[in-house]
PDB file of N, CA and C in Angstrom:
ATOM      1  N   MET A   1      78.821   6.909 -18.367  1.00  0.00           N
ATOM      2  CA  MET A   1      77.783   7.109 -19.744  1.00  0.00           C
ATOM      3  C   MET A   1      78.660   8.527 -20.147  1.00  0.00           C
ATOM      4  N   THR A   2      79.519   7.497 -22.046  1.00  0.00           N
ATOM      5  CA  THR A   2      79.734   7.865 -22.605  1.00  0.00           C
ATOM      6  C   THR A   2      79.508   9.296 -23.272  1.00  0.00           C
ATOM      7  N   ASN A   3      80.519  10.617 -23.778  1.00  0.00           N
ATOM      8  CA  ASN A   3      79.569  11.157 -24.940  1.00  0.00           C
ATOM      9  C   ASN A   3      79.517  10.635 -26.163  1.00  0.00           C
ATOM     10  N   PRO A   4      78.484  11.368 -26.843  1.00  0.00           N
ATOM     11  CA  PRO A   4      78.631  10.936 -27.986  1.00  0.00           C
ATOM     12  C   PRO A   4      79.300  11.158 -29.307  1.00  0.00           C
ATOM     13  N   ILE A   5      78.788  10.494 -30.247  1.00  0.00           N
ATOM     14  CA  ILE A   5      80.326  10.195 -30.968  1.00  0.00           C
ATOM     15  C   ILE A   5      79.448  11.445 -32.147  1.00  0.00           C
ATOM     16  N   LYS A   6      80.037  12.823 -32.364  1.00  0.00           N
ATOM     17  CA  LYS A   6      79.261  13.626 -33.447  1.00  0.00           C
ATOM     18  C   LYS A   6      80.034  13.580 -33.920  1.00  0.00           C
ATOM     19  N   THR A   7      82.003  13.594 -34.124  1.00  0.00           N
ATOM     20  CA  THR A   7      82.285  13.486 -35.425  1.00  0.00           C
ATOM     21  C   THR A   7      83.775  12.340 -35.611  1.00  0.00           C
ATOM     22  N   VAL A   8      84.336  12.218 -36.705  1.00  0.00           N
ATOM     23  CA  VAL A   8      85.180  10.858 -36.144  1.00  0.00           C
ATOM     24  C   VAL A   8      86.695  12.038 -34.439  1.00  0.00           C
ATOM     25  N   LYS A   9      86.352  12.946 -35.243  1.00  0.00           N
ATOM     26  CA  LYS A   9      87.562  13.216 -33.424  1.00  0.00           C
ATOM     27  C   LYS A   9      87.224  12.847 -32.086  1.00  0.00           C
ATOM     28  N   ASP A  10      86.014  12.192 -31.923  1.00  0.00           N
ATOM     29  CA  ASP A  10      84.509  11.788 -31.699  1.00  0.00           C
ATOM     30  C   ASP A  10      85.598  10.518 -30.454  1.00  0.00           C
ATOM     31  N   LEU A  11      86.064   9.643 -32.102  1.00  0.00           N
ATOM     32  CA  LEU A  11      86.310   8.237 -31.486  1.00  0.00           C
ATOM     33  C   LEU A  11      88.158   8.421 -31.199  1.00  0.00           C
ATOM     34  N   LYS A  12      88.579   7.708 -29.866  1.00  0.00           N
ATOM     35  CA  LYS A  12      89.080   7.662 -29.404  1.00  0.00           C
ATOM     36  C   LYS A  12      90.214   6.803 -31.174  1.00  0.00           C
ATOM     37  N   VAL A  13      90.411   5.626 -31.183  1.00  0.00           N
ATOM     38  CA  VAL A  13      90.806   4.806 -31.837  1.00  0.00           C
ATOM     39  C   VAL A  13      91.122   5.840 -32.666  1.00  0.00           C
ATOM     40  N   TYR A  14      90.138   7.833 -33.478  1.00  0.00           N
ATOM     41  CA  TYR A  14      91.038   7.699 -34.815  1.00  0.00           C
ATOM     42  C   TYR A  14      92.074   9.191 -33.800  1.00  0.00           C
ATOM     43  N   ASN A  15      91.707   9.240 -32.909  1.00  0.00           N
ATOM     44  CA  ASN A  15      92.518  10.839 -31.396  1.00  0.00           C
ATOM     45  C   ASN A  15      93.932   9.097 -31.503  1.00  0.00           C
ATOM     46  N   GLU A  16      94.034   8.920 -31.471  1.00  0.00           N
ATOM     47  CA  GLU A  16      95.661   7.765 -31.123  1.00  0.00           C
ATOM     48  C   GLU A  16      96.225   7.403 -32.207  1.00  0.00           C
ATOM     49  N   SER A  17      95.942   6.931 -33.074  1.00  0.00           N
ATOM     50  CA  SER A  17      95.705   6.846 -34.408  1.00  0.00           C
ATOM     51  C   SER A  17      96.580   7.807 -34.675  1.00  0.00           C
ATOM     52  N   PHE A  18      96.625   8.663 -34.980  1.00  0.00           N
ATOM     53  CA  PHE A  18      96.818   9.978 -35.540  1.00  0.00           C
ATOM     54  C   PHE A  18      97.712  10.353 -34.256  1.00  0.00           C
ATOM     55  N   SER A  19      98.259  10.992 -33.076  1.00  0.00           N
ATOM     56  CA  SER A  19      99.571  10.350 -32.300  1.00  0.00           C
ATOM     57  C   SER A  19     100.649   9.948 -32.369  1.00  0.00           C
ATOM     58  N   LEU A  20      99.816   8.928 -32.773  1.00  0.00           N
ATOM     59  CA  LEU A  20     100.585   7.485 -32.922  1.00  0.00           C
ATOM     60  C   LEU A  20     101.719   7.226 -34.427  1.00  0.00           C
ATOM     61  N   GLY A  21     100.214   8.202 -35.763  1.00  0.00           N
ATOM     62  CA  GLY A  21     101.945   8.214 -37.005  1.00  0.00           C
ATOM     63  C   GLY A  21     102.731   9.575 -36.537  1.00  0.00           C
ATOM     64  N   MET A  22     102.126  10.744 -36.094  1.00  0.00           N
ATOM     65  CA  MET A  22     102.740  11.621 -35.255  1.00  0.00           C
ATOM     66  C   MET A  22     104.071  11.522 -35.214  1.00  0.00           C
ATOM     67  N   GLU A  23     103.821  10.624 -33.664  1.00  0.00           N
ATOM     68  CA  GLU A  23     105.081   9.949 -33.045  1.00  0.00           C
ATOM     69  C   GLU A  23     105.721   9.068 -33.827  1.00  0.00           C
ATOM     70  N   ILE A  24     105.030   7.976 -34.607  1.00  0.00           N
ATOM     71  CA  ILE A  24     106.764   7.750 -36.168  1.00  0.00           C
ATOM     72  C   ILE A  24     106.982   9.101 -37.133  1.00  0.00           C
ATOM     73  N   PHE A  25     106.243   9.973 -37.366  1.00  0.00           N
ATOM     74  CA  PHE A  25     106.575  10.330 -38.215  1.00  0.00           C
ATOM     75  C   PHE A  25     108.039  11.429 -37.998  1.00  0.00           C
ATOM     76  N   HIS A  26     107.694  11.938 -36.279  1.00  0.00           N
ATOM     77  CA  HIS A  26     108.781  12.702 -35.491  1.00  0.00           C
ATOM     78  C   HIS A  26     110.383  11.612 -35.496  1.00  0.00           C
ATOM     79  N   ILE A  27     110.094  10.361 -34.935  1.00  0.00           N
ATOM     80  CA  ILE A  27     110.446   9.314 -34.279  1.00  0.00           C
ATOM     81  C   ILE A  27     112.293   9.404 -35.995  1.00  0.00           C
ATOM     82  N   THR A  28     111.110   8.892 -37.334  1.00  0.00           N
ATOM     83  CA  THR A  28     111.959   9.245 -38.361  1.00  0.00           C
ATOM     84  C   THR A  28     113.015  10.427 -39.204  1.00  0.00           C
ATOM     85  N   ARG A  29     112.687  10.892 -38.895  1.00  0.00           N
ATOM     86  CA  ARG A  29     113.229  12.770 -38.941  1.00  0.00           C
ATOM     87  C   ARG A  29     115.357  12.143 -38.383  1.00  0.00           C
ATOM     88  N   ASN A  30     115.376  10.999 -37.743  1.00  0.00           N
ATOM     89  CA  ASN A  30     116.648  10.852 -36.868  1.00  0.00           C
ATOM     90  C   ASN A  30     116.866   9.108 -38.058  1.00  0.00           C
ATOM     91  N   PHE A  31     116.191   8.775 -38.776  1.00  0.00           N
ATOM     92  CA  PHE A  31     116.777   7.029 -40.013  1.00  0.00           C
ATOM     93  C   PHE A  31     117.921   8.181 -40.730  1.00  0.00           C
ATOM     94  N   PRO A  32     118.379   7.521 -40.874  1.00  0.00           N
ATOM     95  CA  PRO A  32     119.299   7.905 -41.720  1.00  0.00           C
ATOM     96  C   PRO A  32     118.556   8.223 -43.192  1.00  0.00           C
ATOM     97  N   LYS A  33     119.322   9.340 -44.238  1.00  0.00           N
ATOM     98  CA  LYS A  33     118.808   9.988 -45.525  1.00  0.00           C
ATOM     99  C   LYS A  33     118.171   8.096 -46.224  1.00  0.00           C
ATOM    100  N   GLU A  34     119.648   7.442 -46.866  1.00  0.00           N
ATOM    101  CA  GLU A  34     119.417   6.761 -47.110  1.00  0.00           C
ATOM    102  C   GLU A  34     118.549   5.901 -47.377  1.00  0.00           C
ATOM    103  N   GLU A  35     117.042   5.932 -45.904  1.00  0.00           N
ATOM    104  CA  GLU A  35     116.181   5.049 -46.058  1.00  0.00           C
ATOM    105  C   GLU A  35     114.269   6.040 -46.480  1.00  0.00           C
ATOM    106  N   LYS A  36     115.125   6.898 -47.527  1.00  0.00           N
ATOM    107  CA  LYS A  36     113.777   8.030 -47.316  1.00  0.00           C
ATOM    108  C   LYS A  36     113.045   7.490 -48.506  1.00  0.00           C
ATOM    109  N   TYR A  37     113.692   6.666 -49.233  1.00  0.00           N
ATOM    110  CA  TYR A  37     112.319   6.106 -50.708  1.00  0.00           C
ATOM    111  C   TYR A  37     111.927   4.536 -49.966  1.00  0.00           C
ATOM    112  N   SER A  38     113.034   3.496 -48.742  1.00  0.00           N
ATOM    113  CA  SER A  38     112.071   3.048 -48.375  1.00  0.00           C
ATOM    114  C   SER A  38     111.465   3.105 -47.139  1.00  0.00           C
ATOM    115  N   LEU A  39     112.297   2.601 -45.810  1.00  0.00           N
ATOM    116  CA  LEU A  39     111.583   2.339 -44.448  1.00  0.00           C
ATOM    117  C   LEU A  39     110.730   3.735 -44.413  1.00  0.00           C
ATOM    118  N   ILE A  40     111.552   4.929 -44.005  1.00  0.00           N
ATOM    119  CA  ILE A  40     110.649   6.562 -43.981  1.00  0.00           C
ATOM    120  C   ILE A  40     109.723   6.483 -44.192  1.00  0.00           C
ATOM    121  N   ASP A  41     109.534   6.242 -46.182  1.00  0.00           N
ATOM    122  CA  ASP A  41     108.505   6.049 -46.914  1.00  0.00           C
ATOM    123  C   ASP A  41     106.710   4.715 -46.025  1.00  0.00           C
ATOM    124  N   GLN A  42     108.171   3.967 -46.298  1.00  0.00           N
ATOM    125  CA  GLN A  42     106.870   2.024 -46.155  1.00  0.00           C
ATOM    126  C   GLN A  42     106.298   2.585 -44.308  1.00  0.00           C
ATOM    127  N   ILE A  43     107.268   2.794 -42.981  1.00  0.00           N
ATOM    128  CA  ILE A  43     106.020   2.847 -42.662  1.00  0.00           C
ATOM    129  C   ILE A  43     105.443   4.074 -41.975  1.00  0.00           C
ATOM    130  N   ILE A  44     105.534   5.285 -42.395  1.00  0.00           N
ATOM    131  CA  ILE A  44     105.144   6.625 -42.763  1.00  0.00           C
ATOM    132  C   ILE A  44     103.889   6.188 -42.739  1.00  0.00           C
ATOM    133  N   ARG A  45     103.691   5.998 -44.035  1.00  0.00           N
ATOM    134  CA  ARG A  45     103.108   5.692 -45.091  1.00  0.00           C
ATOM    135  C   ARG A  45     101.488   4.073 -43.967  1.00  0.00           C
ATOM    136  N   SER A  46     102.422   3.799 -43.505  1.00  0.00           N
ATOM    137  CA  SER A  46     101.387   2.730 -42.737  1.00  0.00           C
ATOM    138  C   SER A  46     100.940   3.639 -41.345  1.00  0.00           C
ATOM    139  N   SER A  47     101.536   3.307 -40.722  1.00  0.00           N
ATOM    140  CA  SER A  47     100.777   4.510 -39.861  1.00  0.00           C
ATOM    141  C   SER A  47      99.856   5.777 -40.197  1.00  0.00           C
ATOM    142  N   ARG A  48     100.501   6.253 -41.322  1.00  0.00           N
ATOM    143  CA  ARG A  48      98.843   7.371 -41.513  1.00  0.00           C
ATOM    144  C   ARG A  48      97.846   6.273 -41.889  1.00  0.00           C
ATOM    145  N   SER A  49      98.541   5.341 -42.333  1.00  0.00           N
ATOM    146  CA  SER A  49      97.244   4.685 -43.080  1.00  0.00           C
ATOM    147  C   SER A  49      95.923   4.297 -42.732  1.00  0.00           C
ATOM    148  N   VAL A  50      96.410   4.310 -41.218  1.00  0.00           N
ATOM    149  CA  VAL A  50      95.468   3.560 -39.994  1.00  0.00           C
ATOM    150  C   VAL A  50      94.357   4.966 -39.678  1.00  0.00           C
ATOM    151  N   THR A  51      95.002   6.234 -39.839  1.00  0.00           N
ATOM    152  CA  THR A  51      93.874   7.012 -38.872  1.00  0.00           C
ATOM    153  C   THR A  51      92.802   6.758 -40.860  1.00  0.00           C
ATOM    154  N   ALA A  52      93.731   7.147 -41.689  1.00  0.00           N
ATOM    155  CA  ALA A  52      93.102   7.548 -42.965  1.00  0.00           C
ATOM    156  C   ALA A  52      91.867   7.020 -42.837  1.00  0.00           C
ATOM    157  N   ASN A  53      92.058   5.275 -43.190  1.00  0.00           N
ATOM    158  CA  ASN A  53      91.037   3.918 -42.701  1.00  0.00           C
ATOM    159  C   ASN A  53      89.886   4.364 -41.616  1.00  0.00           C
ATOM    160  N   ILE A  54      90.141   4.606 -40.960  1.00  0.00           N
ATOM    161  CA  ILE A  54      89.494   5.220 -39.911  1.00  0.00           C
ATOM    162  C   ILE A  54      88.726   6.142 -40.174  1.00  0.00           C
ATOM    163  N   ARG A  55      89.499   6.950 -41.107  1.00  0.00           N
ATOM    164  CA  ARG A  55      88.305   8.154 -41.167  1.00  0.00           C
ATOM    165  C   ARG A  55      87.300   8.154 -41.637  1.00  0.00           C
ATOM    166  N   GLU A  56      87.835   7.384 -43.247  1.00  0.00           N
ATOM    167  CA  GLU A  56      86.953   6.876 -44.472  1.00  0.00           C
ATOM    168  C   GLU A  56      86.187   6.044 -44.128  1.00  0.00           C
ATOM    169  N   GLY A  57      85.748   5.285 -42.796  1.00  0.00           N
ATOM    170  CA  GLY A  57      85.100   4.319 -42.435  1.00  0.00           C
ATOM    171  C   GLY A  57      84.092   4.987 -41.724  1.00  0.00           C
ATOM    172  N   TYR A  58      85.097   5.855 -40.769  1.00  0.00           N
ATOM    173  CA  TYR A  58      83.108   6.638 -40.498  1.00  0.00           C
ATOM    174  C   TYR A  58      82.586   7.317 -41.249  1.00  0.00           C
ATOM    175  N   ALA A  59      83.190   8.011 -42.442  1.00  0.00           N
ATOM    176  CA  ALA A  59      82.003   8.708 -42.805  1.00  0.00           C
ATOM    177  C   ALA A  59      81.625   7.573 -44.384  1.00  0.00           C
ATOM    178  N   LYS A  60      81.932   6.039 -43.567  1.00  0.00           N
ATOM    179  CA  LYS A  60      80.422   5.057 -45.119  1.00  0.00           C
ATOM    180  C   LYS A  60      79.694   4.835 -43.069  1.00  0.00           C
ATOM    181  N   ARG A  61      79.792   5.222 -42.210  1.00  0.00           N
ATOM    182  CA  ARG A  61      79.353   4.492 -41.235  1.00  0.00           C
ATOM    183  C   ARG A  61      77.977   3.784 -41.446  1.00  0.00           C
ATOM    184  N   ASN A  62      77.060   4.136 -41.817  1.00  0.00           N
ATOM    185  CA  ASN A  62      75.978   4.114 -42.337  1.00  0.00           C
ATOM    186  C   ASN A  62      76.133   3.293 -42.863  1.00  0.00           C
ATOM    187  N   TYR A  63      77.163   2.479 -44.003  1.00  0.00           N
ATOM    188  CA  TYR A  63      76.646   1.313 -43.975  1.00  0.00           C
ATOM    189  C   TYR A  63      77.754   0.708 -43.385  1.00  0.00           C
ATOM    190  N   LEU A  64      77.409  -0.121 -42.645  1.00  0.00           N
ATOM    191  CA  LEU A  64      78.366  -0.895 -41.368  1.00  0.00           C
ATOM    192  C   LEU A  64      79.380  -1.946 -41.545  1.00  0.00           C
ATOM    193  N   LYS A  65      78.521  -3.094 -43.267  1.00  0.00           N
ATOM    194  CA  LYS A  65      80.333  -3.340 -44.271  1.00  0.00           C
ATOM    195  C   LYS A  65      81.151  -2.444 -44.000  1.00  0.00           C
ATOM    196  N   LEU A  66      80.596  -1.929 -45.043  1.00  0.00           N
ATOM    197  CA  LEU A  66      81.949  -0.725 -45.910  1.00  0.00           C
ATOM    198  C   LEU A  66      82.525   0.033 -44.490  1.00  0.00           C
ATOM    199  N   PHE A  67      82.063  -0.046 -42.783  1.00  0.00           N
ATOM    200  CA  PHE A  67      82.713   0.947 -42.097  1.00  0.00           C
ATOM    201  C   PHE A  67      84.002  -0.164 -41.772  1.00  0.00           C
ATOM    202  N   GLN A  68      83.027  -1.662 -41.353  1.00  0.00           N
ATOM    203  CA  GLN A  68      83.661  -2.334 -40.804  1.00  0.00           C
ATOM    204  C   GLN A  68      84.792  -3.127 -41.397  1.00  0.00           C
ATOM    205  N   ARG A  69      85.530  -2.918 -42.979  1.00  0.00           N
ATOM    206  CA  ARG A  69      85.823  -3.452 -43.545  1.00  0.00           C
ATOM    207  C   ARG A  69      87.688  -2.060 -43.984  1.00  0.00           C
ATOM    208  N   HIS A  70      86.987  -1.015 -43.868  1.00  0.00           N
ATOM    209  CA  HIS A  70      87.960   0.184 -43.537  1.00  0.00           C
ATOM    210  C   HIS A  70      88.007   0.402 -41.911  1.00  0.00           C
ATOM    211  N   LEU A  71      87.493  -0.532 -41.021  1.00  0.00           N
ATOM    212  CA  LEU A  71      88.336  -1.191 -39.582  1.00  0.00           C
ATOM    213  C   LEU A  71      89.000  -1.923 -39.636  1.00  0.00           C
ATOM    214  N   PHE A  72      89.582  -2.961 -40.626  1.00  0.00           N
ATOM    215  CA  PHE A  72      90.096  -4.239 -41.119  1.00  0.00           C
ATOM    216  C   PHE A  72      90.991  -3.524 -41.987  1.00  0.00           C
ATOM    217  N   ASP A  73      91.261  -3.024 -42.472  1.00  0.00           N
ATOM    218  CA  ASP A  73      91.974  -2.239 -43.907  1.00  0.00           C
ATOM    219  C   ASP A  73      92.827  -1.501 -42.621  1.00  0.00           C
ATOM    220  N   ALA A  74      92.453  -0.608 -41.414  1.00  0.00           N
ATOM    221  CA  ALA A  74      92.418   0.243 -40.416  1.00  0.00           C
ATOM    222  C   ALA A  74      93.513  -0.802 -39.756  1.00  0.00           C
ATOM    223  N   LEU A  75      93.145  -2.127 -39.115  1.00  0.00           N
ATOM    224  CA  LEU A  75      93.638  -3.204 -38.978  1.00  0.00           C
ATOM    225  C   LEU A  75      95.321  -3.590 -38.916  1.00  0.00           C
ATOM    226  N   GLY A  76      94.840  -3.944 -40.553  1.00  0.00           N
ATOM    227  CA  GLY A  76      96.455  -4.624 -41.192  1.00  0.00           C
ATOM    228  C   GLY A  76      96.902  -3.699 -41.576  1.00  0.00           C
ATOM    229  N   SER A  77      97.390  -2.346 -42.085  1.00  0.00           N
ATOM    230  CA  SER A  77      98.163  -0.130 -41.897  1.00  0.00           C
ATOM    231  C   SER A  77      98.890  -1.032 -40.074  1.00  0.00           C
ATOM    232  N   ALA A  78      97.859  -0.860 -38.976  1.00  0.00           N
ATOM    233  CA  ALA A  78      98.707  -1.434 -38.048  1.00  0.00           C
ATOM    234  C   ALA A  78     100.238  -2.238 -37.665  1.00  0.00           C
ATOM    235  N   GLU A  79      99.278  -3.647 -37.704  1.00  0.00           N
ATOM    236  CA  GLU A  79     100.031  -4.229 -38.108  1.00  0.00           C
ATOM    237  C   GLU A  79     101.488  -4.333 -38.905  1.00  0.00           C
ATOM    238  N   GLU A  80     101.306  -3.536 -40.442  1.00  0.00           N
ATOM    239  CA  GLU A  80     102.005  -3.460 -40.967  1.00  0.00           C
ATOM    240  C   GLU A  80     102.806  -2.512 -40.363  1.00  0.00           C
ATOM    241  N   THR A  81     102.610  -1.290 -39.526  1.00  0.00           N
ATOM    242  CA  THR A  81     103.521  -0.449 -39.122  1.00  0.00           C
ATOM    243  C   THR A  81     104.336  -1.206 -37.926  1.00  0.00           C
ATOM    244  N   ARG A  82     104.508  -2.424 -37.116  1.00  0.00           N
ATOM    245  CA  ARG A  82     104.863  -2.940 -35.712  1.00  0.00           C
ATOM    246  C   ARG A  82     106.108  -3.935 -36.492  1.00  0.00           C
ATOM    247  N   THR A  83     105.718  -3.783 -37.704  1.00  0.00           N
ATOM    248  CA  THR A  83     106.768  -4.691 -38.741  1.00  0.00           C
ATOM    249  C   THR A  83     107.733  -3.772 -38.843  1.00  0.00           C
ATOM    250  N   TRP A  84     107.390  -2.787 -39.451  1.00  0.00           N
ATOM    251  CA  TRP A  84     107.885  -1.511 -39.297  1.00  0.00           C
ATOM    252  C   TRP A  84     109.015  -1.332 -39.167  1.00  0.00           C
ATOM    253  N   LEU A  85     108.283  -0.716 -38.016  1.00  0.00           N
ATOM    254  CA  LEU A  85     109.061  -1.023 -36.373  1.00  0.00           C
ATOM    255  C   LEU A  85     110.289  -2.071 -36.168  1.00  0.00           C
ATOM    256  N   GLU A  86     109.892  -3.214 -36.344  1.00  0.00           N
ATOM    257  CA  GLU A  86     110.928  -4.277 -35.902  1.00  0.00           C
ATOM    258  C   GLU A  86     112.076  -3.960 -36.890  1.00  0.00           C
ATOM    259  N   PHE A  87     111.842  -3.609 -38.221  1.00  0.00           N
ATOM    260  CA  PHE A  87     113.193  -3.942 -38.957  1.00  0.00           C
ATOM    261  C   PHE A  87     114.050  -2.260 -38.882  1.00  0.00           C
ATOM    262  N   ALA A  88     112.931  -1.716 -38.452  1.00  0.00           N
ATOM    263  CA  ALA A  88     113.823   0.108 -37.367  1.00  0.00           C
ATOM    264  C   ALA A  88     114.605  -0.453 -35.975  1.00  0.00           C
ATOM    265  N   LEU A  89     114.185  -1.471 -35.270  1.00  0.00           N
ATOM    266  CA  LEU A  89     115.451  -1.785 -34.529  1.00  0.00           C
ATOM    267  C   LEU A  89     116.296  -2.829 -35.089  1.00  0.00           C
ATOM    268  N   SER A  90     115.972  -3.456 -35.548  1.00  0.00           N
ATOM    269  CA  SER A  90     116.443  -4.474 -36.065  1.00  0.00           C
ATOM    270  C   SER A  90     117.967  -3.595 -36.504  1.00  0.00           C
ATOM    271  N   CYS A  91     117.415  -2.079 -37.412  1.00  0.00           N
ATOM    272  CA  CYS A  91     118.718  -2.239 -38.030  1.00  0.00           C
ATOM    273  C   CYS A  91     119.148  -0.608 -37.291  1.00  0.00           C
ATOM    274  N   ASN A  92     118.983  -1.258 -35.697  1.00  0.00           N
ATOM    275  CA  ASN A  92     119.225   0.327 -34.787  1.00  0.00           C
ATOM    276  C   ASN A  92     119.165   1.451 -34.856  1.00  0.00           C
ATOM    277  N   TYR A  93     117.503   1.804 -35.444  1.00  0.00           N
ATOM    278  CA  TYR A  93     117.622   2.744 -35.824  1.00  0.00           C
ATOM    279  C   TYR A  93     116.844   3.981 -34.488  1.00  0.00           C
ATOM    280  N   ILE A  94     115.842   2.649 -34.544  1.00  0.00           N
ATOM    281  CA  ILE A  94     115.030   2.840 -32.461  1.00  0.00           C
ATOM    282  C   ILE A  94     115.304   2.535 -31.468  1.00  0.00           C
ATOM    283  N   THR A  95     115.296   2.981 -30.798  1.00  0.00           N
ATOM    284  CA  THR A  95     116.013   1.443 -29.392  1.00  0.00           C
ATOM    285  C   THR A  95     115.081   0.567 -28.897  1.00  0.00           C
ATOM    286  N   LYS A  96     115.987  -0.432 -28.238  1.00  0.00           N
ATOM    287  CA  LYS A  96     114.606  -1.403 -27.972  1.00  0.00           C
ATOM    288  C   LYS A  96     113.402  -0.694 -26.501  1.00  0.00           C
ATOM    289  N   ASP A  97     114.019  -0.135 -26.285  1.00  0.00           N
ATOM    290  CA  ASP A  97     112.009   0.802 -25.322  1.00  0.00           C
ATOM    291  C   ASP A  97     111.797   1.151 -26.127  1.00  0.00           C
ATOM    292  N   LYS A  98     111.990   2.158 -26.849  1.00  0.00           N
ATOM    293  CA  LYS A  98     111.040   3.159 -27.822  1.00  0.00           C
ATOM    294  C   LYS A  98     110.055   1.742 -29.182  1.00  0.00           C
ATOM    295  N   CYS A  99     111.213   0.430 -29.415  1.00  0.00           N
ATOM    296  CA  CYS A  99     109.828   0.600 -30.365  1.00  0.00           C
ATOM    297  C   CYS A  99     108.768  -0.485 -29.542  1.00  0.00           C
ATOM    298  N   LYS A 100     109.212  -0.925 -28.243  1.00  0.00           N
ATOM    299  CA  LYS A 100     108.131  -2.327 -27.407  1.00  0.00           C
ATOM    300  C   LYS A 100     107.614  -1.065 -26.951  1.00  0.00           C
ATOM    301  N   LYS A 101     107.397   0.270 -26.886  1.00  0.00           N
ATOM    302  CA  LYS A 101     106.723   1.267 -26.419  1.00  0.00           C
ATOM    303  C   LYS A 101     105.223   1.326 -27.981  1.00  0.00           C
ATOM    304  N   LEU A 102     106.121   2.025 -29.134  1.00  0.00           N
ATOM    305  CA  LEU A 102     105.285   2.433 -30.017  1.00  0.00           C
ATOM    306  C   LEU A 102     104.247   0.134 -30.007  1.00  0.00           C
ATOM    307  N   ASP A 103     105.251  -0.397 -30.291  1.00  0.00           N
ATOM    308  CA  ASP A 103     104.576  -1.663 -30.621  1.00  0.00           C
ATOM    309  C   ASP A 103     103.593  -2.040 -29.474  1.00  0.00           C
ATOM    310  N   THR A 104     103.842  -1.690 -28.307  1.00  0.00           N
ATOM    311  CA  THR A 104     102.757  -2.083 -27.202  1.00  0.00           C
ATOM    312  C   THR A 104     101.170  -0.921 -27.526  1.00  0.00           C
ATOM    313  N   ALA A 105     101.966   0.323 -27.188  1.00  0.00           N
ATOM    314  CA  ALA A 105     100.750   1.024 -28.661  1.00  0.00           C
ATOM    315  C   ALA A 105     100.048   1.144 -29.245  1.00  0.00           C
ATOM    316  N   TYR A 106     100.248   0.546 -30.712  1.00  0.00           N
ATOM    317  CA  TYR A 106     100.224  -0.122 -31.913  1.00  0.00           C
ATOM    318  C   TYR A 106      99.069  -1.270 -31.278  1.00  0.00           C
ATOM    319  N   ASP A 107      99.633  -2.950 -30.536  1.00  0.00           N
ATOM    320  CA  ASP A 107      98.961  -3.793 -30.183  1.00  0.00           C
ATOM    321  C   ASP A 107      97.405  -2.535 -29.385  1.00  0.00           C
ATOM    322  N   ALA A 108      97.886  -2.035 -27.989  1.00  0.00           N
ATOM    323  CA  ALA A 108      96.501  -1.941 -27.580  1.00  0.00           C
ATOM    324  C   ALA A 108      95.791  -0.950 -28.699  1.00  0.00           C
ATOM    325  N   LEU A 109      96.075  -0.943 -29.700  1.00  0.00           N
ATOM    326  CA  LEU A 109      94.915   0.607 -30.928  1.00  0.00           C
ATOM    327  C   LEU A 109      94.248  -0.487 -31.926  1.00  0.00           C
ATOM    328  N   SER A 110      95.080  -1.439 -32.153  1.00  0.00           N
ATOM    329  CA  SER A 110      94.224  -3.011 -32.522  1.00  0.00           C
ATOM    330  C   SER A 110      93.453  -3.583 -32.009  1.00  0.00           C
ATOM    331  N   ALA A 111      93.386  -3.435 -30.254  1.00  0.00           N
ATOM    332  CA  ALA A 111      91.991  -4.230 -29.911  1.00  0.00           C
ATOM    333  C   ALA A 111      91.070  -3.111 -29.601  1.00  0.00           C
ATOM    334  N   LYS A 112      91.200  -2.008 -29.463  1.00  0.00           N
ATOM    335  CA  LYS A 112      90.623  -1.370 -29.633  1.00  0.00           C
ATOM    336  C   LYS A 112      89.587  -1.063 -31.424  1.00  0.00           C
ATOM    337  N   ILE A 113      90.620  -1.382 -31.859  1.00  0.00           N
ATOM    338  CA  ILE A 113      89.685  -0.973 -33.540  1.00  0.00           C
ATOM    339  C   ILE A 113      89.350  -2.091 -33.079  1.00  0.00           C
ATOM    340  N   TYR A 114      89.314  -3.433 -33.029  1.00  0.00           N
ATOM    341  CA  TYR A 114      88.769  -4.508 -32.919  1.00  0.00           C
ATOM    342  C   TYR A 114      87.663  -4.573 -32.701  1.00  0.00           C
ATOM    343  N   LYS A 115      88.164  -4.362 -31.038  1.00  0.00           N
ATOM    344  CA  LYS A 115      86.511  -3.900 -29.982  1.00  0.00           C
ATOM    345  C   LYS A 115      85.005  -2.981 -31.028  1.00  0.00           C
ATOM    346  N   LEU A 116      86.038  -1.936 -31.655  1.00  0.00           N
ATOM    347  CA  LEU A 116      84.604  -0.799 -32.440  1.00  0.00           C
ATOM    348  C   LEU A 116      83.859  -1.340 -33.061  1.00  0.00           C
ATOM    349  N   ILE A 117      84.892  -2.432 -34.229  1.00  0.00           N
ATOM    350  CA  ILE A 117      84.098  -3.638 -35.289  1.00  0.00           C
ATOM    351  C   ILE A 117      83.099  -4.901 -34.920  1.00  0.00           C
ATOM    352  N   LYS A 118      83.238  -5.254 -33.695  1.00  0.00           N
ATOM    353  CA  LYS A 118      82.559  -5.783 -33.219  1.00  0.00           C
ATOM    354  C   LYS A 118      80.783  -4.978 -32.964  1.00  0.00           C
ATOM    355  N   ASN A 119      81.578  -3.716 -31.841  1.00  0.00           N
ATOM    356  CA  ASN A 119      80.337  -3.679 -31.382  1.00  0.00           C
ATOM    357  C   ASN A 119      80.104  -1.796 -31.588  1.00  0.00           C
ATOM    358  N   TRP A 120      79.791  -1.702 -32.613  1.00  0.00           N
ATOM    359  CA  TRP A 120      79.776  -0.025 -32.994  1.00  0.00           C
ATOM    360  C   TRP A 120      79.180   0.142 -32.908  1.00  0.00           C
ATOM    361  N   LYS A 121      77.403  -0.211 -33.083  1.00  0.00           N
ATOM    362  CA  LYS A 121      76.260   0.229 -32.421  1.00  0.00           C
ATOM    363  C   LYS A 121      75.769   0.427 -30.854  1.00  0.00           C
ATOM    364  N   ASN A 122      76.454   0.031 -30.479  1.00  0.00           N
ATOM    365  CA  ASN A 122      76.896   0.095 -29.004  1.00  0.00           C
ATOM    366  C   ASN A 122      77.668   1.572 -28.522  1.00  0.00           C
ATOM    367  N   PHE A 123      78.478   2.314 -29.713  1.00  0.00           N
ATOM    368  CA  PHE A 123      78.839   3.108 -29.938  1.00  0.00           C
ATOM    369  C   PHE A 123      78.465   4.193 -30.016  1.00  0.00           C
ATOM    370  N   GLU A 124      77.368   4.509 -30.926  1.00  0.00           N
ATOM    371  CA  GLU A 124      76.920   5.268 -31.411  1.00  0.00           C
ATOM    372  C   GLU A 124      75.779   5.753 -30.561  1.00  0.00           C
TER     373      GLU A 124
END
């Protein structure tokens, strides 16, 4: 049996997205300074948006369609982050292994978010 969901921090997708967002933040510290207002800002914003949309949606969970809309927005932000990771790889700011690891993690997170969208009532 799973633990009851009492706060947003009881959602695995929230915690995983937060951890991934922090990992993105830390790797961007090594990006060139000329990327500050382009790639760095974009990838940090999109990675944080995943977490923020999950949390905002959770706050509206009693309104299923609103909750789902925010989760779909989180999916979109996860895909945007994956795009920025591809750019970081192509610019040689991250290794192929790091890109693959993060891309795989975002792919798995997206699958969990989608499962939550489809089965929220089973999680409550």
